[in-house]
């Protein structure tokens, strides 16, 4: 909904591993800039992980990964 604020909270406290947050936009133009002034903020365990709004179809971010975990890079629609 245009101009609305939405907030989602999901408890991951008892789960371990590497998580992936993905935000989708069905219009393919992100949620900010030329098509509005939307944005998102991703926080985990009290820490700021990522924020944004300028993307195309989707944007993905890994978080809570152990330093020695090797993960393939998750493609983002903004990758060239």
Protein backbone atom coordinates (compact mmCIF):
# COMPACT_ATOMS: atom_id res chain seq x y z
CA UNK A 1 0.00 0.00 0.00
CA UNK A 2 1.41 3.35 -1.01
CA UNK A 3 2.64 5.49 1.88
CA UNK A 4 2.18 2.71 4.45
CA UNK A 5 4.76 1.38 6.87
CA UNK A 6 5.03 -2.38 7.30
CA UNK A 7 7.12 -4.23 9.85
CA UNK A 8 7.76 -7.96 10.13
CA UNK A 9 9.53 -9.71 12.93
CA UNK A 10 10.54 -13.37 12.89
CA UNK A 11 12.24 -15.10 15.82
CA UNK A 12 15.37 -17.05 14.83
CA UNK A 13 16.80 -17.44 18.34
CA UNK A 14 16.62 -21.24 18.52
CA UNK A 15 17.74 -21.78 14.95
CA UNK A 16 21.35 -21.95 13.86
CA UNK A 17 22.92 -21.51 10.50
CA UNK A 18 23.21 -19.07 7.70
CA UNK A 19 20.01 -17.23 6.78
CA UNK A 20 19.00 -15.44 3.60
CA UNK A 21 16.70 -12.42 3.56
CA UNK A 22 15.13 -11.78 0.14
CA UNK A 23 12.89 -8.87 -0.74
CA UNK A 24 10.84 -9.07 -3.95
CA UNK A 25 9.15 -6.40 -6.05
CA UNK A 26 6.55 -7.65 -8.52
CA UNK A 27 6.83 -4.49 -10.62
CA UNK A 28 10.58 -4.98 -11.10
CA UNK A 29 11.49 -1.42 -10.15
CA UNK A 30 12.46 -1.69 -6.48
CA UNK A 31 10.77 0.32 -3.77
CA UNK A 32 12.50 3.68 -4.00
CA UNK A 33 13.88 6.34 -6.17
CA UNK A 34 12.04 7.01 -9.45
CA UNK A 35 8.97 5.02 -8.34
CA UNK A 36 8.51 6.14 -4.74
CA UNK A 37 10.50 6.69 -1.57
CA UNK A 38 10.28 3.26 0.07
CA UNK A 39 13.12 1.47 1.82
CA UNK A 40 13.83 -1.52 4.03
CA UNK A 41 16.10 -2.24 6.99
CA UNK A 42 17.34 -5.70 8.00
CA UNK A 43 18.46 -6.15 11.60
CA UNK A 44 19.59 -9.31 13.37
CA UNK A 45 20.56 -9.79 17.01
CA UNK A 46 20.45 -6.04 17.58
CA UNK A 47 22.80 -5.31 14.67
CA UNK A 48 22.14 -3.41 11.47
CA UNK A 49 22.74 -5.85 8.58
CA UNK A 50 21.51 -4.08 5.44
CA UNK A 51 19.20 -1.39 4.19
CA UNK A 52 18.10 -0.46 0.74
CA UNK A 53 15.33 0.09 -1.73
CA UNK A 54 17.11 0.43 -5.07
CA UNK A 55 16.89 -2.97 -6.74
CA UNK A 56 14.96 -4.52 -9.60
CA UNK A 57 12.98 -7.76 -9.14
CA UNK A 58 14.61 -8.83 -5.87
CA UNK A 59 17.58 -8.42 -3.57
CA UNK A 60 19.06 -11.11 -1.30
CA UNK A 61 21.37 -10.81 1.71
CA UNK A 62 22.99 -13.59 3.75
CA UNK A 63 23.27 -13.00 7.49
CA UNK A 64 24.17 -14.81 10.73
CA UNK A 65 26.73 -16.91 8.84
CA UNK A 66 29.72 -18.28 10.70
CA UNK A 67 32.95 -16.75 9.44
CA UNK A 68 34.25 -20.14 8.27
CA UNK A 69 31.05 -21.08 6.41
CA UNK A 70 31.50 -21.01 2.68
CA UNK A 71 28.43 -19.99 0.79
CA UNK A 72 27.98 -19.45 -2.90
CA UNK A 73 27.26 -15.83 -3.68
CA UNK A 74 23.54 -15.30 -3.84
CA UNK A 75 22.65 -13.48 -7.04
CA UNK A 76 20.89 -10.17 -6.75
CA UNK A 77 18.89 -8.62 -9.52
CA UNK A 78 21.29 -5.65 -9.27
CA UNK A 79 24.36 -7.85 -10.05
CA UNK A 80 25.73 -7.38 -13.56
